[in-house]
Amino acid sequence: MKIEGSHRLEAPRDTVWRAVLDADVLAKVLPGCEDFRQTDDNVFAGILNIKVGPVQGKFKGTVTLSDLDPPNGYRLTLKGQGAPGFVRGSGTLALAELDDGAATEIRYDIDAQVGGRIASVGQRLLDSSARVVTRQALEGLDSQIAARHALERAEAEHLAAEAEAEALDAPDTPGPSDETTPQINGAGALHDPTDRDVALDPPAAHDAEQARRRAEARERAAAARERAEAARRHAESLEAPSAGTFAWQVARGMVRELGADDGRRKATVILAAAVLLGLLILFKSC
């Protein structure tokens, strides 16, 4: 089974590179993912709950990365085994800059072999399922990167606003020339600013201006903090499609792909209805 194609992501390549190496991100974009974590350098292990036609079950497997070339891409090798059968494969993932670095194209080329009960559903349904899995994963990656990019911007704005507020909170300190350099007073005579009978406090207008700037900086910092918290909650709320959603997407994808030929529409609708009926029976039995 061949899985290849490309997808545009509206984020810089460095941001995409970090995302495709982040186990937390990948766990949220893989359809039916129940567990996914990094177990060693460039090695990940996970559990996927998959339903393809009448076949359902969990795959437990590993993904090993090699030939890492940051931020251009890497090679991957995957192995999975479970009640539905087994899957093995290898391929490459490449990242290319678009729009002067503002966007990224992700290219993937994977050869996979499947066996066991899952292979009995037929090549056409397997191909359709693979395309659905890939599309859902890439759409999920889009959402995850956008959410995390928004979070990074909000956190940067918060830190900048906090730094500005803290700088304005610092007490005014007169410079060396203010304290040590003799000045000419209004009568034309020299006087030493170190004399303590001379008032050194800044004018009231300056105090009011500083207070206003401090208040505005604190308001900006508070607003930025709220945006950062909202962005964090949104990023954490994004989850991978469930096994049920995945099965439904497979059925819809099959209708679109097999029904492209007008001469086969009737057969496609009948086949899709049979698949959906089978899925409903499976869901009720779960």
Protein backbone atom coordinates (compact mmCIF):
# COMPACT_ATOMS: atom_id res chain seq x y z
CA MET A 1 0.00 0.00 0.00
CA LYS A 2 1.42 3.38 -1.06
CA ILE A 3 0.72 6.52 0.97
CA GLU A 4 2.07 9.68 -0.61
CA GLY A 5 1.14 13.30 -1.11
CA SER A 6 1.69 16.82 0.16
CA HIS A 7 -0.09 19.33 2.36
CA ARG A 8 0.30 23.06 2.99
CA LEU A 9 0.62 24.27 6.58
CA GLU A 10 0.25 27.96 7.44
CA ALA A 11 3.26 28.11 9.76
CA PRO A 12 7.06 28.56 9.49
CA ARG A 13 9.10 25.44 8.85
CA ASP A 14 10.81 25.53 12.27
CA THR A 15 7.39 25.51 13.95
CA VAL A 16 6.24 22.54 11.85
CA TRP A 17 9.50 20.70 12.53
CA ARG A 18 9.01 20.99 16.29
CA ALA A 19 5.41 19.79 15.93
CA VAL A 20 6.25 16.63 13.95
CA LEU A 21 8.72 15.62 16.68
CA ASP A 22 6.39 16.35 19.60
CA ALA A 23 4.68 13.25 21.03
CA ASP A 24 1.95 15.38 22.65
CA VAL A 25 1.08 16.93 19.29
CA LEU A 26 1.12 13.61 17.45
CA ALA A 27 -1.09 12.00 20.09
CA LYS A 28 -3.72 14.64 19.41
CA VAL A 29 -3.69 14.33 15.60
CA LEU A 30 -3.64 10.55 15.02
CA PRO A 31 -7.20 9.21 14.52
CA GLY A 32 -8.23 6.66 17.14
CA CYS A 33 -5.07 7.30 19.20
CA GLU A 34 -5.37 6.06 22.78
CA ASP A 35 -1.74 6.45 23.78
CA PHE A 36 1.37 7.86 22.13
CA ARG A 37 4.63 8.70 23.86
CA GLN A 38 8.36 8.92 23.29
CA THR A 39 10.16 5.89 24.72
CA ASP A 40 13.72 6.54 23.54
CA ASP A 41 15.72 8.90 21.37
CA ASN A 42 13.67 9.23 18.16
CA VAL A 43 11.48 6.25 19.12
CA PHE A 44 7.75 6.53 19.83
CA ALA A 45 5.25 3.90 20.96
CA GLY A 46 1.47 4.07 20.82
CA ILE A 47 -1.92 2.37 20.65
CA LEU A 48 -4.46 3.07 17.89
CA ASN A 49 -8.07 1.91 17.98
CA ILE A 50 -9.07 1.36 14.34
CA LYS A 51 -12.32 0.31 12.65
CA VAL A 52 -12.19 -0.47 8.94
CA GLY A 53 -15.36 -2.01 7.55
CA PRO A 54 -16.22 -5.11 9.60
CA VAL A 55 -12.74 -5.23 11.20
CA GLN A 56 -12.08 -3.44 14.46
CA GLY A 57 -9.46 -3.56 17.18
CA LYS A 58 -6.34 -2.02 18.61
CA PHE A 59 -2.90 -1.82 17.10
CA LYS A 60 0.08 -1.50 19.40
CA GLY A 61 3.22 -0.38 17.65
CA THR A 62 6.31 1.78 17.36
CA VAL A 63 7.58 4.52 15.07
CA THR A 64 11.34 4.97 14.74
CA LEU A 65 12.85 8.08 13.17
CA SER A 66 16.23 8.12 11.43
CA ASP A 67 18.33 10.30 9.13
CA LEU A 68 17.07 13.42 10.90
CA ASP A 69 17.91 16.58 8.94
CA PRO A 70 16.41 19.49 10.90
CA PRO A 71 14.32 21.26 9.79
CA ASN A 72 14.15 19.52 6.40
CA GLY A 73 12.78 16.09 7.30
CA TYR A 74 13.50 12.55 8.39
CA ARG A 75 12.99 8.89 7.57
CA LEU A 76 10.50 6.78 9.55
CA THR A 77 9.92 3.09 10.13
CA LEU A 78 6.66 1.83 11.66
CA LYS A 79 5.60 -1.51 13.06
CA GLY A 80 2.18 -2.40 14.47
CA GLN A 81 0.50 -5.56 15.70
CA GLY A 82 -2.94 -6.29 17.12
CA ALA A 83 -6.11 -8.33 16.91
CA PRO A 84 -6.97 -6.91 13.45
CA GLY A 85 -3.60 -8.00 12.02
CA PHE A 86 -0.29 -6.28 11.47
CA VAL A 87 1.15 -3.30 9.61
CA ARG A 88 4.74 -2.56 8.64
CA GLY A 89 6.11 0.30 6.64
CA SER A 90 8.80 2.85 6.01
CA GLY A 91 9.12 6.13 4.20
CA THR A 92 10.16 9.75 4.34
CA LEU A 93 8.75 13.06 5.50
CA ALA A 94 10.09 16.31 4.03
CA LEU A 95 9.41 19.96 4.84
CA ALA A 96 9.84 22.79 2.33
CA GLU A 97 9.45 26.53 2.86
CA LEU A 98 6.69 28.42 1.05
CA ASP A 99 5.91 32.15 0.76
CA ASP A 100 9.35 33.28 1.98
CA GLY A 101 9.11 31.12 5.08
CA ALA A 102 5.59 32.10 6.13
CA ALA A 103 4.17 28.66 5.22
CA THR A 104 5.43 25.09 4.90
CA GLU A 105 4.73 22.21 2.54
CA ILE A 106 4.88 18.79 4.13
CA ARG A 107 5.59 15.92 1.72
CA TYR A 108 5.18 12.27 2.70
CA ASP A 109 6.02 9.05 0.86
CA ILE A 110 5.41 5.78 2.72
CA ASP A 111 5.27 2.14 1.61
CA ALA A 112 3.24 -0.07 3.95
CA GLN A 113 2.24 -3.71 4.12
CA VAL A 114 -0.77 -5.03 6.05
CA GLY A 115 -1.77 -8.57 6.91
CA GLY A 116 -4.28 -10.54 8.93
CA ARG A 117 -7.98 -9.81 9.24
CA ILE A 118 -7.62 -6.17 8.21
CA ALA A 119 -6.23 -7.22 4.83
CA SER A 120 -9.47 -9.08 4.13
CA VAL A 121 -11.47 -5.85 3.68
CA GLY A 122 -9.94 -5.36 0.25
CA GLN A 123 -7.38 -3.05 -1.30
CA ARG A 124 -9.85 -0.33 -2.27
CA LEU A 125 -11.22 0.07 1.25
CA LEU A 126 -7.70 -0.06 2.71
CA ASP A 127 -6.54 2.67 0.33
CA SER A 128 -9.58 4.79 1.19
CA SER A 129 -8.96 4.28 4.91
CA ALA A 130 -5.30 5.25 4.55
CA ARG A 131 -6.25 8.45 2.76
CA VAL A 132 -8.81 9.28 5.46
CA VAL A 133 -6.26 8.66 8.23
CA THR A 134 -3.70 10.85 6.47
CA ARG A 135 -6.17 13.66 5.78
CA GLN A 136 -7.47 13.67 9.34
CA ALA A 137 -3.95 13.64 10.77
CA LEU A 138 -2.85 16.57 8.58
CA GLU A 139 -5.99 18.56 9.38
CA GLY A 140 -5.37 17.88 13.06
CA LEU A 141 -1.75 18.97 12.66
CA ASP A 142 -3.00 22.19 11.05
CA SER A 143 -5.21 22.89 14.07
CA GLN A 144 -2.53 21.97 16.59
CA ILE A 145 0.12 24.16 14.97
CA ALA A 146 -2.26 27.10 14.64
CA ALA A 147 -3.28 26.77 18.31
CA ARG A 148 0.29 26.46 19.54
CA HIS A 149 1.46 29.32 17.31
CA ALA A 150 -1.27 31.51 18.81
CA LEU A 151 -0.20 30.39 22.28
CA GLU A 152 3.45 31.27 21.60
CA ARG A 153 2.48 34.73 20.35
CA ALA A 154 0.21 35.37 23.33
CA GLU A 155 2.88 34.25 25.79
CA ALA A 156 5.48 36.47 24.09
CA GLU A 157 3.11 39.45 24.28
CA HIS A 158 2.49 38.72 27.96
CA LEU A 159 6.21 38.55 28.77
CA ALA A 160 6.89 41.80 26.89
CA ALA A 161 4.04 43.59 28.66
CA GLU A 162 5.18 42.30 32.06
CA ALA A 163 8.75 43.42 31.39
CA GLU A 164 7.54 46.89 30.39
CA ALA A 165 5.38 47.15 33.52
CA GLU A 166 8.24 46.06 35.78
CA ALA A 167 10.59 48.58 34.16
CA LEU A 168 8.06 51.36 34.80
CA ASP A 169 7.62 50.17 38.39
CA ALA A 170 11.33 50.75 39.09
CA PRO A 171 11.97 53.99 41.02
CA ASP A 172 13.45 56.92 39.13
CA THR A 173 17.19 57.25 39.79
CA PRO A 174 18.94 60.48 38.87
CA GLY A 175 21.89 60.18 36.56
CA PRO A 176 25.46 61.02 37.64
CA SER A 177 25.36 64.46 36.01
CA ASP A 178 22.22 65.33 37.98
CA GLU A 179 23.94 64.79 41.33
CA THR A 180 27.54 65.85 40.74
CA THR A 181 27.55 68.56 38.09
CA PRO A 182 27.24 72.16 39.35
CA GLN A 183 24.35 74.00 37.70
CA ILE A 184 23.71 77.68 37.04
CA ASN A 185 20.67 78.92 38.92
CA GLY A 186 18.24 81.60 37.81
CA ALA A 187 20.40 84.35 39.34
CA GLY A 188 23.40 83.33 37.30
CA ALA A 189 25.26 81.80 40.25
CA LEU A 190 26.63 78.32 40.55
CA HIS A 191 25.03 75.96 42.97
CA ASP A 192 25.80 72.35 43.89
CA PRO A 193 22.90 69.92 43.35
CA THR A 194 24.23 67.82 46.24
CA ASP A 195 23.03 70.50 48.66
CA ARG A 196 20.14 68.88 50.51
CA ASP A 197 18.21 72.11 50.76
CA VAL A 198 17.47 71.83 47.02
CA ALA A 199 14.34 69.86 46.13
CA LEU A 200 15.25 66.85 43.96
CA ASP A 201 11.79 65.25 43.57
CA PRO A 202 10.47 65.10 39.97
CA PRO A 203 7.63 67.41 39.11
CA ALA A 204 4.09 66.28 39.89
CA ALA A 205 3.29 66.12 36.16
CA HIS A 206 6.10 63.63 35.66
CA ASP A 207 4.76 61.50 38.51
CA ALA A 208 1.27 61.49 37.00
CA GLU A 209 2.63 60.51 33.56
CA GLN A 210 4.64 57.65 35.05
CA ALA A 211 1.61 56.42 36.98
CA ARG A 212 -0.51 56.49 33.83
CA ARG A 213 2.10 54.55 31.85
CA ARG A 214 2.43 51.97 34.64
CA ALA A 215 -1.34 51.47 34.75
CA GLU A 216 -1.55 51.04 30.97
CA ALA A 217 1.35 48.56 30.97
CA ARG A 218 -0.33 46.52 33.71
CA GLU A 219 -3.57 46.49 31.73
CA ARG A 220 -1.73 45.27 28.62
CA ALA A 221 0.03 42.58 30.68
CA ALA A 222 -3.28 41.40 32.17
CA ALA A 223 -4.96 41.28 28.75
CA ALA A 224 -2.00 39.39 27.27
CA ARG A 225 -2.12 36.92 30.15
CA GLU A 226 -5.82 36.27 29.49
CA ARG A 227 -5.12 35.71 25.77
CA ALA A 228 -2.32 33.28 26.63
CA GLU A 229 -4.56 31.32 29.00
CA ALA A 230 -7.35 31.17 26.40
CA ALA A 231 -4.87 29.99 23.74
CA ARG A 232 -3.53 27.33 26.11
CA ARG A 233 -7.02 26.03 26.90
CA HIS A 234 -7.85 25.88 23.17
CA ALA A 235 -4.64 23.99 22.35
CA GLU A 236 -5.28 21.48 25.14
CA SER A 237 -8.91 20.96 24.08
CA LEU A 238 -8.03 19.75 20.58
CA GLU A 239 -8.22 15.97 20.42
CA ALA A 240 -7.70 13.35 17.74
CA PRO A 241 -10.83 11.91 16.08
CA SER A 242 -12.28 8.93 17.95
CA ALA A 243 -12.48 5.44 16.45
CA GLY A 244 -16.19 6.00 15.73
CA THR A 245 -15.51 9.28 13.94
CA PHE A 246 -12.75 7.58 11.98
CA ALA A 247 -15.11 4.80 10.83
CA TRP A 248 -17.71 7.35 9.75
CA GLN A 249 -15.08 9.31 7.80
CA VAL A 250 -13.93 6.11 6.07
CA ALA A 251 -17.49 5.40 4.91
CA ARG A 252 -17.93 8.95 3.62
CA GLY A 253 -14.57 8.83 1.88
CA MET A 254 -15.47 5.58 0.19
CA VAL A 255 -18.70 7.10 -1.15
CA ARG A 256 -16.76 10.04 -2.61
CA GLU A 257 -13.97 7.98 -4.13
CA LEU A 258 -15.88 4.99 -5.44
CA GLY A 259 -18.75 7.16 -6.60
CA ALA A 260 -16.61 9.34 -8.84
CA ASP A 261 -17.62 7.21 -11.83
CA ASP A 262 -21.31 7.83 -12.67
CA GLY A 263 -21.65 4.28 -13.97
CA ARG A 264 -20.86 2.89 -10.51
CA ARG A 265 -22.85 5.28 -8.33
CA LYS A 266 -25.69 2.87 -7.68
CA ALA A 267 -23.34 0.07 -6.66
CA THR A 268 -21.35 2.50 -4.53
CA VAL A 269 -24.42 3.70 -2.63
CA ILE A 270 -25.46 0.10 -1.96
CA LEU A 271 -21.95 -0.80 -0.79
CA ALA A 272 -21.68 2.30 1.39
CA ALA A 273 -25.08 1.59 2.96
CA ALA A 274 -23.95 -1.98 3.74
CA VAL A 275 -20.75 -0.67 5.34
CA LEU A 276 -22.63 1.90 7.41
CA LEU A 277 -25.10 -0.76 8.54
CA GLY A 278 -22.21 -2.96 9.58
CA LEU A 279 -20.63 -0.07 11.50
CA LEU A 280 -23.88 0.61 13.33
CA ILE A 281 -24.12 -3.04 14.34
CA LEU A 282 -20.54 -2.96 15.56
CA PHE A 283 -21.09 0.22 17.55
CA LYS A 284 -24.15 -1.26 19.25
CA SER A 285 -22.22 -4.39 20.15
CA CYS A 286 -19.35 -2.39 21.69
